[in-house]
């Protein structure tokens, strides 16, 4: 029945498509932080050094960047079926993740994480383009829901880790691999592009130059880079920060650092939906600028709240988790509105390659900042720089005439 409904996209309810794609994305993104949440077990098993521990997480980011660059250069997401690309990428991500169970060397583990990231670059950007084919009006909130699904998917390994007993840490890998593989099957057999599909293009590596010359897109990308400077560094190290902070509280919020991390990351899904609605009503530029301002303030203040009221600490952490991810979908939406229709996939993938390239740097810098400042309490202070720059870029974009293309004229 589901398959029959998708044989004629014009007759399919777009919100049904949105719901199904969102559920699949939650399943597919479970492999992103699957190894990060079992870092201590993998460290013991493979005798990982300190720098290797950092690269266990950073390899996913680097793999994503490399994969995204190749997809953008070869115009893959603009020249082949999106659902086939997503399905194949899900299968590869699930396989690379599952092979961690039989790998016990630092080189092998880091290589598999690199492969996982490269595979996920064929999932996330194409899904963003896919959902744009289902919506013209209300694209902002649709994109917000999609990024909310990504947020929950990224948080699920923390939930798996909190539920699994110490002796069953391998269940995290089994669960995340299975959900990713099943998501790929659904994309392959049950989902098609929507009625507003973008035109296909032929392979032409020079088309990336058109993306680079688009000045409004450049401002969007600067805003996105500022947003990403903060986002994945927080997601990657929030569990370590929570474990450090737990020592300063008699009663730690949400019981354990694992549950704390899950709730802080996953609440971003609510923020994404709210931001999507606000963006459609009040415009992309103001919405993203305000959200980055709030998340930057939270990044600055969270370290000062360690060893204070657990209620205040948890409230600011939840606000940070909600706002840090909320604007992500709106940068992607802006790309679909400002770029040439036949280059939407390439422009999206290029934007994400830039953003995730920055995350490689910030994830690496967090433990260095903690060491330099003498405590993990202050590890997130330097993240404030990113959203500050992002706010400036989006306010500059709002002043340009091309911003009329955003949110049906609401900038």
Protein backbone atom coordinates (compact mmCIF):
# COMPACT_ATOMS: atom_id res chain seq x y z
CA UNK A 1 0.00 0.00 0.00
CA UNK A 2 2.80 2.42 0.86
CA UNK A 3 4.53 1.63 -2.42
CA UNK A 4 1.33 2.18 -4.40
CA UNK A 5 0.87 5.61 -2.81
CA UNK A 6 4.29 6.68 -3.97
CA UNK A 7 3.87 5.57 -7.56
CA UNK A 8 1.96 8.83 -8.19
CA UNK A 9 3.63 11.63 -6.21
CA UNK A 10 1.02 14.17 -7.37
CA UNK A 11 -1.65 12.19 -5.47
CA UNK A 12 0.42 11.59 -2.34
CA UNK A 13 -0.04 13.78 0.73
CA UNK A 14 3.30 15.62 1.12
CA UNK A 15 3.06 15.40 4.92
CA UNK A 16 2.82 11.63 4.68
CA UNK A 17 6.00 11.70 2.61
CA UNK A 18 7.59 14.04 5.15
CA UNK A 19 6.70 11.72 8.03
CA UNK A 20 8.05 8.61 6.32
CA UNK A 21 11.26 10.29 5.16
CA UNK A 22 11.81 11.74 8.64
CA UNK A 23 11.43 8.35 10.31
CA UNK A 24 13.88 6.84 7.84
CA UNK A 25 16.38 9.64 8.46
CA UNK A 26 16.23 9.02 12.21
CA UNK A 27 17.15 5.40 11.55
CA UNK A 28 19.90 6.23 9.05
CA UNK A 29 21.73 8.77 11.22
CA UNK A 30 22.18 6.40 14.17
CA UNK A 31 25.58 5.43 12.77
CA UNK A 32 26.99 8.97 13.09
CA UNK A 33 27.91 8.89 16.78
CA UNK A 34 27.60 5.13 17.32
CA UNK A 35 31.32 4.71 17.99
CA UNK A 36 31.66 7.95 19.96
CA UNK A 37 29.30 6.77 22.70
CA UNK A 38 31.31 3.56 23.18
CA UNK A 39 34.65 5.34 23.01
CA UNK A 40 35.86 3.94 26.33
CA UNK A 41 35.20 0.35 25.23
CA UNK A 42 36.83 0.82 21.83
CA UNK A 43 39.79 2.57 23.47
CA UNK A 44 40.35 -0.40 25.76
CA UNK A 45 39.86 -2.92 22.97
CA UNK A 46 42.14 -1.26 20.40
CA UNK A 47 44.49 0.58 22.79
CA UNK A 48 43.65 3.96 21.27
CA UNK A 49 45.88 6.89 22.17
CA UNK A 50 44.52 10.35 23.00
CA UNK A 51 44.85 11.69 19.45
CA UNK A 52 43.34 8.49 18.04
CA UNK A 53 40.34 8.90 20.34
CA UNK A 54 39.71 12.35 18.88
CA UNK A 55 40.04 11.02 15.34
CA UNK A 56 37.58 8.23 16.02
CA UNK A 57 34.90 10.93 16.00
CA UNK A 58 36.62 13.29 13.58
CA UNK A 59 37.06 10.57 10.96
CA UNK A 60 33.30 10.59 10.40
CA UNK A 61 33.34 14.33 9.83
CA UNK A 62 36.33 14.10 7.48
CA UNK A 63 34.78 11.19 5.59
CA UNK A 64 31.59 13.21 5.18
CA UNK A 65 33.56 16.14 3.77
CA UNK A 66 35.47 13.94 1.30
CA UNK A 67 32.30 12.19 0.19
CA UNK A 68 30.40 15.48 -0.13
CA UNK A 69 33.19 17.02 -2.23
CA UNK A 70 33.13 14.05 -4.62
CA UNK A 71 29.32 14.11 -4.86
CA UNK A 72 29.36 17.86 -5.54
CA UNK A 73 32.25 17.69 -8.03
CA UNK A 74 30.62 14.92 -10.04
CA UNK A 75 27.10 16.42 -9.69
CA UNK A 76 25.91 13.00 -8.48
CA UNK A 77 22.87 14.22 -6.53
CA UNK A 78 21.75 16.28 -9.55
CA UNK A 79 22.26 13.54 -12.14
CA UNK A 80 20.94 10.29 -10.60
CA UNK A 81 17.93 9.08 -8.64
CA UNK A 82 18.00 10.53 -5.13
CA UNK A 83 16.36 7.52 -3.53
CA UNK A 84 18.80 5.08 -5.15
CA UNK A 85 21.74 7.20 -4.01
CA UNK A 86 20.37 7.36 -0.46
CA UNK A 87 19.66 3.63 -0.33
CA UNK A 88 23.13 2.65 -1.52
CA UNK A 89 24.71 5.08 0.92
CA UNK A 90 22.66 3.69 3.84
CA UNK A 91 23.81 0.16 2.98
CA UNK A 92 27.46 1.23 2.92
CA UNK A 93 27.14 3.15 6.21
CA UNK A 94 25.47 0.17 7.90
CA UNK A 95 28.19 -2.22 6.68
CA UNK A 96 31.09 0.03 7.72
CA UNK A 97 29.50 0.52 11.13
CA UNK A 98 28.84 -3.19 11.65
CA UNK A 99 32.43 -4.13 10.78
CA UNK A 100 33.54 -2.31 13.96
CA UNK A 101 32.52 -5.47 15.83
CA UNK A 102 35.36 -7.43 14.21
CA UNK A 103 38.01 -4.70 14.08
CA UNK A 104 40.47 -4.20 16.93
CA UNK A 105 43.22 -1.98 15.51
CA UNK A 106 43.29 1.85 15.64
CA UNK A 107 43.89 2.11 11.88
CA UNK A 108 41.02 -0.26 11.10
CA UNK A 109 38.54 1.49 13.39
CA UNK A 110 39.40 4.97 12.15
CA UNK A 111 39.23 3.81 8.53
CA UNK A 112 35.76 2.35 9.08
CA UNK A 113 34.61 5.59 10.67
CA UNK A 114 35.96 7.49 7.66
CA UNK A 115 33.95 5.19 5.38
CA UNK A 116 30.84 5.71 7.51
CA UNK A 117 31.13 9.47 7.18
CA UNK A 118 31.66 9.24 3.41
CA UNK A 119 28.55 7.06 3.11
CA UNK A 120 26.46 9.47 5.17
CA UNK A 121 27.33 12.28 2.75
CA UNK A 122 25.15 10.35 0.31
CA UNK A 123 22.26 10.36 2.78
CA UNK A 124 21.92 13.74 4.47
CA UNK A 125 22.33 16.24 1.57
CA UNK A 126 20.23 14.16 -0.87
CA UNK A 127 17.46 13.83 1.73
CA UNK A 128 17.40 17.62 2.09
CA UNK A 129 17.00 17.95 -1.68
CA UNK A 130 14.44 15.12 -1.70
CA UNK A 131 12.17 16.83 0.81
CA UNK A 132 12.38 20.07 -1.21
CA UNK A 133 10.77 18.18 -4.12
CA UNK A 134 7.69 17.63 -1.95
CA UNK A 135 7.22 21.22 -0.79
CA UNK A 136 7.19 24.71 -2.28
CA UNK A 137 4.98 26.48 0.25
CA UNK A 138 5.93 25.59 3.82
CA UNK A 139 9.37 24.41 2.78
CA UNK A 140 10.94 26.01 5.87
CA UNK A 141 8.94 24.01 8.41
CA UNK A 142 9.31 20.85 6.28
CA UNK A 143 13.07 21.32 6.31
CA UNK A 144 12.95 22.02 10.03
CA UNK A 145 11.21 18.69 10.62
CA UNK A 146 13.81 16.90 8.48
CA UNK A 147 16.70 18.42 10.42
CA UNK A 148 14.82 17.60 13.62
CA UNK A 149 14.80 13.99 12.48
CA UNK A 150 18.53 14.21 11.83
CA UNK A 151 18.99 15.59 15.35
CA UNK A 152 17.07 12.74 16.95
CA UNK A 153 18.94 10.23 14.80
CA UNK A 154 22.26 11.70 15.94
CA UNK A 155 21.10 11.43 19.57
CA UNK A 156 19.87 7.82 19.40
CA UNK A 157 23.31 6.24 20.08
CA UNK A 158 23.31 8.04 23.45
CA UNK A 159 19.95 6.42 24.18
CA UNK A 160 21.18 3.01 23.02
CA UNK A 161 24.24 3.45 25.24
CA UNK A 162 22.18 4.47 28.26
CA UNK A 163 19.91 1.45 27.88
CA UNK A 164 22.61 -1.11 27.11
CA UNK A 165 24.47 -2.63 30.02
CA UNK A 166 28.25 -2.37 30.15
CA UNK A 167 28.59 -5.97 28.98
CA UNK A 168 26.32 -5.33 26.00
CA UNK A 169 27.94 -2.27 24.46
CA UNK A 170 28.00 -4.07 21.11
CA UNK A 171 24.21 -3.67 21.00
CA UNK A 172 24.82 -0.02 20.13
CA UNK A 173 26.55 -1.10 16.91
CA UNK A 174 24.00 -3.77 16.08
CA UNK A 175 21.04 -1.44 16.66
CA UNK A 176 22.45 1.52 14.72
CA UNK A 177 23.54 -0.68 11.79
CA UNK A 178 20.14 -2.36 11.58
CA UNK A 179 18.15 0.88 11.64
CA UNK A 180 20.40 2.40 8.96
CA UNK A 181 20.05 -0.64 6.67
CA UNK A 182 16.26 -0.79 7.09
CA UNK A 183 16.01 2.93 6.36
CA UNK A 184 17.86 2.35 3.09
CA UNK A 185 15.42 -0.39 2.06
CA UNK A 186 12.46 1.91 2.66
CA UNK A 187 14.06 4.69 0.63
CA UNK A 188 14.70 2.23 -2.22
CA UNK A 189 11.30 0.53 -2.38
CA UNK A 190 8.78 2.94 -0.84
CA UNK A 191 9.80 6.52 -1.64
CA UNK A 192 9.98 8.58 -4.83
CA UNK A 193 10.81 12.21 -5.53
CA UNK A 194 7.90 14.62 -5.11
CA UNK A 195 5.90 16.53 -7.71
CA UNK A 196 8.29 19.52 -7.59
CA UNK A 197 11.38 17.58 -8.62
CA UNK A 198 14.36 19.61 -9.80
CA UNK A 199 15.71 19.26 -13.32
CA UNK A 200 18.48 16.73 -13.90
CA UNK A 201 21.87 17.92 -15.06
CA UNK A 202 24.79 16.34 -16.87
CA UNK A 203 28.18 15.87 -15.27
CA UNK A 204 30.13 19.11 -15.56
CA UNK A 205 32.72 19.84 -12.85
CA UNK A 206 32.78 23.51 -13.92
CA UNK A 207 29.23 23.89 -12.59
CA UNK A 208 30.67 24.18 -9.09
CA UNK A 209 32.10 27.54 -10.21
CA UNK A 210 28.54 28.83 -10.68
CA UNK A 211 27.86 27.98 -7.06
CA UNK A 212 31.02 29.75 -5.90
CA UNK A 213 30.18 32.93 -7.84
CA UNK A 214 26.71 33.26 -6.30
CA UNK A 215 27.23 36.02 -3.68
CA UNK A 216 23.97 35.45 -1.74
CA UNK A 217 24.84 31.76 -1.50
CA UNK A 218 28.27 32.73 -0.20
CA UNK A 219 26.67 34.68 2.67
CA UNK A 220 24.38 31.74 3.43
CA UNK A 221 27.40 29.45 3.47
CA UNK A 222 29.28 31.77 5.84
CA UNK A 223 26.28 31.72 8.14
CA UNK A 224 26.15 27.93 7.89
CA UNK A 225 29.87 27.61 8.65
CA UNK A 226 29.39 29.78 11.74
CA UNK A 227 26.52 27.54 12.82
CA UNK A 228 28.53 24.37 12.20
CA UNK A 229 31.56 25.75 14.06
CA UNK A 230 29.49 25.29 17.20
CA UNK A 231 27.07 22.43 16.50
CA UNK A 232 29.02 19.21 16.02
CA UNK A 233 31.74 20.08 18.52
CA UNK A 234 29.02 20.35 21.14
CA UNK A 235 27.33 17.15 20.01
CA UNK A 236 30.62 15.24 19.92
CA UNK A 237 31.84 16.33 23.38
CA UNK A 238 28.63 16.87 25.37
CA UNK A 239 28.90 13.39 26.92
CA UNK A 240 32.46 14.06 28.08
CA UNK A 241 31.39 17.47 29.41
CA UNK A 242 28.45 15.85 31.22
CA UNK A 243 30.67 13.22 32.82
CA UNK A 244 33.00 15.96 34.02
CA UNK A 245 30.12 18.11 35.32
CA UNK A 246 28.45 15.19 37.12
CA UNK A 247 31.14 15.37 39.80
CA UNK A 248 29.96 18.87 40.80
CA UNK A 249 26.31 17.97 41.45
CA UNK A 250 24.78 15.86 44.21
CA UNK A 251 21.86 15.09 41.92
CA UNK A 252 22.74 15.20 38.25
CA UNK A 253 20.03 16.28 35.78
CA UNK A 254 18.25 13.35 34.07
CA UNK A 255 20.08 10.82 36.23
CA UNK A 256 23.16 9.95 34.18
CA UNK A 257 25.44 11.73 31.71
CA UNK A 258 24.20 9.40 28.93
CA UNK A 259 20.54 10.33 29.44
CA UNK A 260 21.53 13.98 29.90
CA UNK A 261 23.36 13.95 26.55
CA UNK A 262 20.45 12.25 24.79
CA UNK A 263 17.93 14.83 25.98
CA UNK A 264 20.20 17.81 25.29
CA UNK A 265 20.81 16.72 21.71
CA UNK A 266 17.36 15.38 20.88
CA UNK A 267 15.50 18.47 22.15
CA UNK A 268 17.04 20.19 19.14
CA UNK A 269 14.35 18.44 17.09
CA UNK A 270 11.70 20.60 18.75
CA UNK A 271 13.77 23.68 18.04
CA UNK A 272 14.06 22.71 14.38
CA UNK A 273 10.29 22.49 13.96
CA UNK A 274 9.69 25.80 15.76
CA UNK A 275 12.44 27.48 13.73
CA UNK A 276 10.95 26.16 10.51
CA UNK A 277 7.60 27.75 11.29
CA UNK A 278 9.17 31.04 12.43
CA UNK A 279 11.34 31.09 9.31
CA UNK A 280 8.34 30.71 7.02
CA UNK A 281 6.47 33.51 8.84
CA UNK A 282 9.21 36.01 9.75
CA UNK A 283 11.96 35.13 7.26
CA UNK A 284 15.11 33.02 7.11
CA UNK A 285 17.62 35.75 7.98
CA UNK A 286 16.09 37.06 11.20
CA UNK A 287 15.25 33.56 12.43
CA UNK A 288 18.74 32.16 11.93
CA UNK A 289 20.42 35.27 13.36
CA UNK A 290 18.37 35.22 16.57
CA UNK A 291 18.89 31.49 17.08
CA UNK A 292 22.65 31.76 16.62
CA UNK A 293 22.73 34.67 19.08
CA UNK A 294 20.92 32.64 21.75
CA UNK A 295 22.99 29.48 21.21
CA UNK A 296 26.20 31.53 21.35
CA UNK A 297 25.17 33.00 24.70
CA UNK A 298 24.47 29.48 26.00
CA UNK A 299 27.87 28.24 24.79
CA UNK A 300 29.51 31.11 26.66
CA UNK A 301 27.57 30.63 29.90
CA UNK A 302 27.28 26.83 30.30
CA UNK A 303 30.74 26.45 31.86
CA UNK A 304 29.97 29.09 34.50
CA UNK A 305 26.91 27.09 35.61
CA UNK A 306 28.81 23.97 36.61
CA UNK A 307 28.58 23.53 40.40
CA UNK A 308 25.53 25.83 40.63
CA UNK A 309 21.82 24.98 40.67
CA UNK A 310 21.19 21.73 38.76
CA UNK A 311 17.86 23.15 37.59
CA UNK A 312 19.51 26.25 36.10
CA UNK A 313 22.31 24.15 34.60
CA UNK A 314 19.80 21.80 32.97
CA UNK A 315 17.59 24.67 31.73
CA UNK A 316 20.46 26.45 29.97
CA UNK A 317 21.76 23.16 28.57
CA UNK A 318 18.30 22.35 27.17
CA UNK A 319 17.98 25.84 25.69
CA UNK A 320 21.40 25.39 24.11
CA UNK A 321 20.46 22.00 22.71
CA UNK A 322 17.23 23.44 21.31
CA UNK A 323 18.74 26.50 19.63
CA UNK A 324 22.09 25.12 18.47
CA UNK A 325 20.44 22.81 15.94
CA UNK A 326 17.25 24.76 15.23
CA UNK A 327 18.57 26.96 12.43
CA UNK A 328 20.33 24.19 10.52
CA UNK A 329 17.42 23.40 8.22
CA UNK A 330 16.94 27.03 7.30
CA UNK A 331 20.40 27.34 5.80
CA UNK A 332 19.58 24.36 3.60
CA UNK A 333 16.20 25.84 2.71
CA UNK A 334 17.89 29.08 1.71
CA UNK A 335 20.16 27.18 -0.67
CA UNK A 336 17.17 25.60 -2.43
CA UNK A 337 15.67 29.08 -2.86
CA UNK A 338 18.77 31.01 -3.94
CA UNK A 339 20.60 28.56 -6.22
CA UNK A 340 19.84 27.67 -9.84
CA UNK A 341 17.24 24.86 -9.94
CA UNK A 342 19.49 22.44 -11.82
CA UNK A 343 22.32 22.98 -9.29
CA UNK A 344 20.39 22.60 -6.03
CA UNK A 345 21.90 19.23 -5.18
CA UNK A 346 25.43 20.40 -5.96
CA UNK A 347 24.96 23.63 -3.98
CA UNK A 348 23.56 21.77 -0.96
CA UNK A 349 26.36 19.22 -0.98
CA UNK A 350 29.01 21.92 -1.37
CA UNK A 351 27.53 23.87 1.54
CA UNK A 352 27.63 20.82 3.76
CA UNK A 353 31.18 19.98 2.70
CA UNK A 354 32.23 23.44 3.89
CA UNK A 355 30.31 23.19 7.14
CA UNK A 356 31.46 19.71 8.04
CA UNK A 357 35.02 20.61 7.09
CA UNK A 358 34.93 23.20 9.85
CA UNK A 359 33.63 20.62 12.33
CA UNK A 360 36.83 18.61 11.85
CA UNK A 361 38.73 21.59 13.26
CA UNK A 362 36.40 22.37 16.16
CA UNK A 363 36.01 18.77 17.32
CA UNK A 364 39.79 18.53 17.39
CA UNK A 365 40.11 21.85 19.26
CA UNK A 366 37.66 21.16 22.12
CA UNK A 367 39.96 18.89 24.19
CA UNK A 368 42.91 21.16 23.37
CA UNK A 369 40.95 24.17 24.65
CA UNK A 370 40.03 22.23 27.79
CA UNK A 371 43.67 21.42 28.43
CA UNK A 372 44.82 24.97 27.70
CA UNK A 373 42.17 26.49 29.99
CA UNK A 374 42.84 23.93 32.71
CA UNK A 375 39.44 22.25 32.84
CA UNK A 376 36.80 20.72 30.57
CA UNK A 377 34.44 23.19 32.23
CA UNK A 378 35.65 25.88 29.81
CA UNK A 379 36.07 23.69 26.73
CA UNK A 380 33.13 25.24 24.86
CA UNK A 381 34.06 28.91 25.28
CA UNK A 382 35.81 29.24 21.93
CA UNK A 383 32.69 27.99 20.12
CA UNK A 384 31.06 31.41 20.61
CA UNK A 385 33.05 32.82 17.68
CA UNK A 386 31.12 30.78 15.09
CA UNK A 387 27.56 31.92 15.76
CA UNK A 388 28.76 35.53 16.17
CA UNK A 389 30.13 35.50 12.59
CA UNK A 390 27.02 33.68 11.39
CA UNK A 391 24.73 36.39 12.76
CA UNK A 392 26.63 39.07 10.83
CA UNK A 393 26.50 37.08 7.57
CA UNK A 394 22.74 36.50 7.72
CA UNK A 395 21.96 40.14 8.56
CA UNK A 396 24.11 41.21 5.59
CA UNK A 397 22.22 38.75 3.37
CA UNK A 398 18.90 40.27 4.43
CA UNK A 399 19.97 43.63 2.98
CA UNK A 400 20.58 42.19 -0.50
CA UNK A 401 17.79 42.29 -3.13
CA UNK A 402 18.24 38.54 -3.80
CA UNK A 403 16.91 37.90 -0.28
CA UNK A 404 13.42 38.46 -1.73
CA UNK A 405 13.64 34.88 -2.99
CA UNK A 406 13.71 33.62 0.60
CA UNK A 407 10.49 32.40 2.26
CA UNK A 408 8.33 33.73 -0.59
CA UNK A 409 9.60 37.27 -0.06
CA UNK A 410 9.90 37.32 3.73
CA UNK A 411 13.70 37.28 3.71
